[in-house]
Protein backbone atom coordinates (compact mmCIF):
# COMPACT_ATOMS: atom_id res chain seq x y z
CA MET A 1 101.26 -65.60 150.83
CA LEU A 2 101.06 -67.31 154.23
CA GLY A 3 104.60 -68.61 153.88
CA ARG A 4 105.84 -65.16 153.02
CA ALA A 5 103.95 -63.66 155.95
CA ALA A 6 105.41 -66.23 158.34
CA ALA A 7 108.93 -65.58 157.06
CA ALA A 8 108.44 -61.84 157.61
CA GLY A 9 107.29 -62.34 161.21
CA ILE A 10 103.73 -61.21 160.53
CA GLY A 11 101.40 -62.55 163.20
CA LEU A 12 98.06 -61.30 161.86
CA LEU A 13 97.10 -61.36 158.18
CA ALA A 14 93.96 -60.39 156.27
CA ILE A 15 93.95 -60.97 152.51
CA THR A 16 91.60 -58.30 151.16
CA ASP A 17 91.29 -58.97 147.45
CA HIS A 18 88.95 -56.77 145.44
CA ASP A 19 85.37 -58.09 145.43
CA THR A 20 86.27 -61.72 146.13
CA VAL A 21 87.21 -63.99 149.02
CA ARG A 22 88.91 -66.61 146.84
CA GLY A 23 92.34 -65.52 148.06
CA TYR A 24 91.26 -65.89 151.66
CA ARG A 25 89.75 -69.32 151.01
CA ALA A 26 92.93 -70.53 149.29
CA ALA A 27 95.00 -69.35 152.25
CA GLN A 28 92.55 -70.84 154.73
CA ALA A 29 92.97 -74.26 153.13
CA ILE A 30 96.67 -74.31 154.09
CA SER A 31 96.54 -72.17 157.23
CA SER A 32 97.24 -75.13 159.50
CA ASP A 33 100.72 -75.29 157.97
CA TYR A 34 101.46 -71.81 159.35
CA PRO A 35 100.11 -71.72 162.92
CA GLU A 36 102.23 -68.66 163.71
CA VAL A 37 100.06 -66.55 161.35
CA HIS A 38 96.52 -65.75 162.45
CA LEU A 39 94.44 -65.50 159.26
CA VAL A 40 91.46 -63.13 159.31
CA PRO A 41 88.71 -63.29 156.66
CA GLY A 42 88.92 -60.23 154.44
CA ILE A 43 87.65 -58.54 151.29
CA GLU A 44 87.81 -55.09 149.67
CA TYR A 45 84.41 -54.20 148.23
CA SER A 46 83.90 -51.67 145.44
CA CYS A 47 80.91 -49.37 145.96
CA ARG A 48 79.52 -45.96 145.03
CA TRP A 49 79.19 -42.85 147.13
CA SER A 50 78.54 -39.35 145.78
CA ALA A 51 79.27 -40.48 142.20
CA THR A 52 82.69 -41.79 143.27
CA THR A 53 84.02 -45.35 143.51
CA ILE A 54 84.87 -46.04 147.15
CA HIS A 55 86.59 -49.12 148.58
CA ILE A 56 85.29 -50.62 151.80
CA VAL A 57 87.28 -53.38 153.50
CA GLY A 58 85.45 -56.12 155.34
CA LEU A 59 87.25 -57.98 158.12
CA GLY A 60 86.28 -60.99 160.21
CA MET A 61 83.00 -61.75 158.45
CA ASP A 62 81.41 -65.15 157.84
CA CYS A 63 82.17 -65.69 154.16
CA ASP A 64 79.30 -68.19 153.85
CA HIS A 65 76.66 -65.87 155.29
CA PRO A 66 73.75 -65.19 152.87
CA ALA A 67 74.56 -61.46 152.89
CA MET A 68 78.12 -62.20 151.72
CA VAL A 69 76.90 -64.66 149.08
CA GLU A 70 74.46 -62.05 147.76
CA GLY A 71 77.08 -59.29 147.74
CA LEU A 72 79.67 -61.39 145.93
CA ALA A 73 77.12 -62.34 143.27
CA VAL A 74 76.28 -58.66 142.69
CA LEU A 75 79.96 -57.77 142.35
CA ASP A 76 80.64 -60.75 140.07
CA ALA A 77 77.97 -59.56 137.66
CA ALA A 78 79.20 -55.96 137.78
CA ARG A 79 82.79 -56.95 137.06
CA ILE A 80 81.84 -59.21 134.15
CA GLU A 81 79.76 -56.47 132.56
CA ARG A 82 82.55 -53.95 133.10
CA GLY A 83 85.15 -56.31 131.62
CA GLU A 84 83.08 -56.79 128.49
CA LYS A 85 82.80 -53.04 128.01
CA ILE A 86 86.55 -52.55 128.54
CA ALA A 87 87.27 -55.24 125.97
CA GLN A 88 84.91 -53.67 123.44
CA ARG A 89 86.65 -50.32 123.77
CA LEU A 90 90.10 -51.87 123.45
CA GLU A 91 89.11 -53.97 120.45
CA ARG A 92 87.81 -50.86 118.68
CA ARG A 93 91.40 -49.62 118.97
CA GLY A 94 92.85 -52.74 117.40
CA PHE A 95 93.46 -54.97 120.42
CA GLU A 96 91.65 -58.09 119.26
CA GLY A 97 91.05 -60.84 121.79
CA ALA A 98 91.25 -58.50 124.78
CA LEU A 99 88.45 -60.14 126.76
CA ALA A 100 89.65 -63.71 126.34
CA GLY A 101 93.20 -62.64 127.11
CA ALA A 102 92.24 -60.77 130.28
CA VAL A 103 90.04 -63.63 131.47
CA ALA A 104 92.96 -66.03 131.00
CA GLU A 105 95.22 -63.70 133.00
CA ALA A 106 92.63 -63.43 135.76
CA GLY A 107 92.24 -67.18 136.22
CA GLU A 108 90.28 -67.64 139.46
CA SER A 109 90.63 -63.94 140.36
CA GLN A 110 88.02 -61.26 139.81
CA LEU A 111 88.37 -59.72 136.36
CA GLY A 112 89.81 -56.22 136.51
CA ARG A 113 91.92 -53.70 134.64
CA PRO A 114 95.23 -55.18 135.88
CA HIS A 115 94.40 -58.36 133.96
CA PHE A 116 93.86 -56.40 130.76
CA SER A 117 97.16 -54.67 131.48
CA ALA A 118 98.96 -57.99 132.01
CA TRP A 119 97.55 -59.34 128.73
CA MET A 120 98.65 -56.21 126.84
CA VAL A 121 102.17 -56.52 128.23
CA ALA A 122 102.34 -60.24 127.40
CA GLN A 123 101.18 -59.56 123.84
CA GLY A 124 103.75 -56.81 123.35
CA HIS A 125 101.13 -54.11 122.88
CA VAL A 126 102.73 -52.02 125.63
CA ARG A 127 106.10 -52.08 127.40
CA ASP A 128 104.78 -52.37 130.94
CA HIS A 129 101.79 -51.91 133.24
CA ASN A 130 102.44 -48.19 133.60
CA GLU A 131 102.17 -47.65 129.85
CA ALA A 132 98.99 -49.74 129.70
CA PHE A 133 97.32 -47.55 132.31
CA ASP A 134 98.79 -44.27 131.06
CA LYS A 135 97.51 -44.84 127.52
CA TYR A 136 94.52 -47.15 127.74
CA LEU A 137 93.27 -48.16 131.19
CA GLY A 138 93.82 -45.28 133.59
CA GLN A 139 91.43 -42.53 134.60
CA GLY A 140 89.92 -40.81 131.59
CA LYS A 141 91.37 -43.34 129.14
CA PRO A 142 89.38 -45.66 126.83
CA GLY A 143 89.40 -48.56 129.29
CA ASP A 144 88.26 -46.45 132.24
CA VAL A 145 84.77 -47.95 132.46
CA LYS A 146 82.59 -47.13 135.43
CA ALA A 147 80.95 -50.28 136.73
CA PHE A 148 77.52 -50.45 138.30
CA TRP A 149 78.81 -50.82 141.82
CA PRO A 150 76.37 -51.10 144.77
CA GLU A 151 75.87 -48.16 147.10
CA LEU A 152 78.16 -47.70 150.11
CA ALA A 153 75.37 -48.27 152.67
CA GLU A 154 74.45 -51.59 151.06
CA VAL A 155 78.03 -52.86 151.15
CA VAL A 156 78.47 -51.85 154.79
CA GLN A 157 75.30 -53.78 155.64
CA TRP A 158 76.53 -56.93 153.84
CA ILE A 159 79.64 -56.88 156.01
CA ALA A 160 77.77 -56.10 159.23
CA GLN A 161 75.11 -58.77 158.65
CA ALA A 162 77.86 -61.34 158.13
CA GLY A 163 79.37 -60.44 161.51
CA GLY A 164 82.30 -58.45 160.11
CA VAL A 165 83.81 -55.02 160.59
CA ALA A 166 83.47 -52.46 157.77
CA VAL A 167 86.53 -50.25 157.22
CA ILE A 168 86.98 -47.24 154.92
CA ALA A 169 90.01 -48.15 152.82
CA HIS A 170 92.80 -45.62 152.01
CA PRO A 171 90.69 -42.45 152.60
CA LEU A 172 93.30 -40.08 151.17
CA LYS A 173 93.46 -41.79 147.78
CA TYR A 174 90.09 -40.32 146.81
CA SER A 175 91.62 -36.82 146.81
CA PHE A 176 88.55 -35.38 148.53
CA THR A 177 88.46 -31.98 150.11
CA ARG A 178 88.43 -32.01 153.90
CA MET A 179 84.70 -31.25 153.90
CA LYS A 180 83.84 -34.01 151.43
CA LEU A 181 85.93 -36.55 153.32
CA ARG A 182 84.04 -35.66 156.49
CA ARG A 183 80.75 -36.22 154.65
CA LEU A 184 81.95 -39.62 153.52
CA VAL A 185 82.89 -40.61 157.06
CA LYS A 186 79.60 -39.30 158.43
CA ASP A 187 77.57 -41.35 155.92
CA PHE A 188 79.77 -44.38 156.53
CA VAL A 189 79.14 -44.23 160.28
CA ALA A 190 75.41 -43.74 159.72
CA ALA A 191 75.40 -46.91 157.58
CA GLY A 192 77.03 -48.93 160.37
CA GLY A 193 80.72 -48.57 159.53
CA GLN A 194 83.10 -49.11 162.42
CA ALA A 195 86.68 -48.39 161.37
CA MET A 196 88.96 -46.34 159.14
CA GLU A 197 92.29 -47.24 157.56
CA VAL A 198 94.73 -44.64 158.86
CA LEU A 199 97.84 -46.26 157.42
CA SER A 200 97.88 -47.64 153.89
CA GLY A 201 101.08 -48.30 152.01
CA ARG A 202 103.58 -45.47 151.99
CA GLN A 203 101.87 -42.71 153.93
CA THR A 204 103.65 -39.99 155.84
CA PRO A 205 103.28 -39.82 159.63
CA ASP A 206 101.44 -36.50 159.23
CA GLN A 207 98.86 -38.09 156.95
CA SER A 208 98.29 -40.92 159.40
CA HIS A 209 97.93 -38.49 162.29
CA ARG A 210 95.32 -36.48 160.36
CA LEU A 211 93.30 -39.61 159.70
CA GLN A 212 93.69 -40.73 163.31
CA ARG A 213 92.18 -37.43 164.48
CA LEU A 214 89.28 -37.84 162.04
CA ALA A 215 88.66 -41.39 163.25
CA ASP A 216 88.71 -40.22 166.87
CA GLU A 217 86.23 -37.46 166.07
CA PHE A 218 83.71 -39.94 164.67
CA GLY A 219 84.38 -42.66 167.23
CA LEU A 220 85.88 -45.07 164.70
CA GLN A 221 88.45 -47.74 165.35
CA VAL A 222 91.55 -47.58 163.19
CA SER A 223 92.99 -50.10 160.79
CA ALA A 224 96.24 -50.47 158.88
CA GLY A 225 97.27 -52.24 155.71
CA SER A 226 100.39 -52.58 153.62
CA ASP A 227 98.51 -52.08 150.31
CA PHE A 228 100.72 -54.87 148.96
CA HIS A 229 99.61 -56.03 145.50
CA ARG A 230 102.73 -57.37 143.81
CA ASP A 231 106.50 -57.16 144.05
CA GLY A 232 108.09 -54.15 142.43
CA PRO A 233 110.81 -51.58 143.06
CA PHE A 234 108.28 -48.91 144.07
CA ASN A 235 105.60 -51.10 145.63
CA PRO A 236 105.11 -51.41 149.40
CA ASP A 237 106.19 -54.65 151.02
CA LEU A 238 103.94 -57.03 152.93
CA GLY A 239 103.37 -56.10 156.56
CA VAL A 240 102.76 -53.03 158.71
CA GLU A 241 104.45 -52.06 161.97
CA LEU A 242 101.46 -51.41 164.23
CA GLY A 243 103.65 -49.69 166.78
CA ARG A 244 103.88 -46.74 164.39
CA LEU A 245 100.24 -45.87 165.12
CA GLN A 246 100.25 -46.00 168.92
CA ALA A 247 96.48 -46.36 168.78
CA ALA A 248 94.38 -47.69 171.63
CA THR A 249 91.45 -48.35 169.30
CA GLY A 250 93.04 -50.62 166.70
CA VAL A 251 90.58 -52.94 164.99
CA TRP A 252 93.28 -55.61 164.98
CA GLN A 253 92.91 -55.95 168.75
CA ARG A 254 89.88 -58.12 168.07
CA TRP A 255 92.19 -60.84 166.77
CA LEU A 256 95.67 -60.03 167.95
CA ASP A 257 97.00 -61.52 171.18
CA ASP A 258 100.41 -61.52 172.77
CA LYS A 259 101.78 -64.44 170.79
CA HIS A 260 101.10 -62.80 167.45
CA GLY A 261 103.72 -60.08 167.69
CA ASN A 262 103.16 -56.51 166.47
CA ARG A 263 102.88 -56.72 162.72
CA GLN A 264 99.77 -56.90 160.56
């Protein structure tokens, strides 16, 4: 990932894997080989708010802080329990060996539905990831298991106690009404949250402007991410042009200096 970021001219990079910092630690181990890329500790925590799964990004935290260690242990347990339930549901539908297969696909990563999807594709049970989610793993399907995620306020505190910045990830993906989104932001700020992602993947300028106004209203800094997960014809590429935001309150300014360019 660091090599790809360097080749793309990205000067500031945060790897925000779901509920783990293993990706960051792997990149940190070779970061000296890519001095042109400033690597920022990152994570994307799963949590609950108003009976909905919300994602909160943590940036710049001490990954060895006791609050981070505690949080990661809680999420590890939740994901294992969830994976076992997903596997049980799939096996009742004839997909034997789902848990072992998904665990093998996950390797050192946190176990999640994409690993079950990858195993199903590899076994020939489905044609591709889209079919796996459309039939078995997506919202309302057999493998859509709600995990026992921690509450939003607890996750924000883990990040804050570890010296990091808590960011609401991709606010528009929750499909909230305007009023409910405002309630989320209000509770997030009350818990100690400091920033909001106003650009995530392929958003329109109008969507980003709406989120920028909401962030300004609540005194939040803004953040941006590519939402890059894997290569694909319809997937966003790595890197974000920060100049598109024209924001004076960018959270990246904590780490970005003149030599790092203008991409995140």
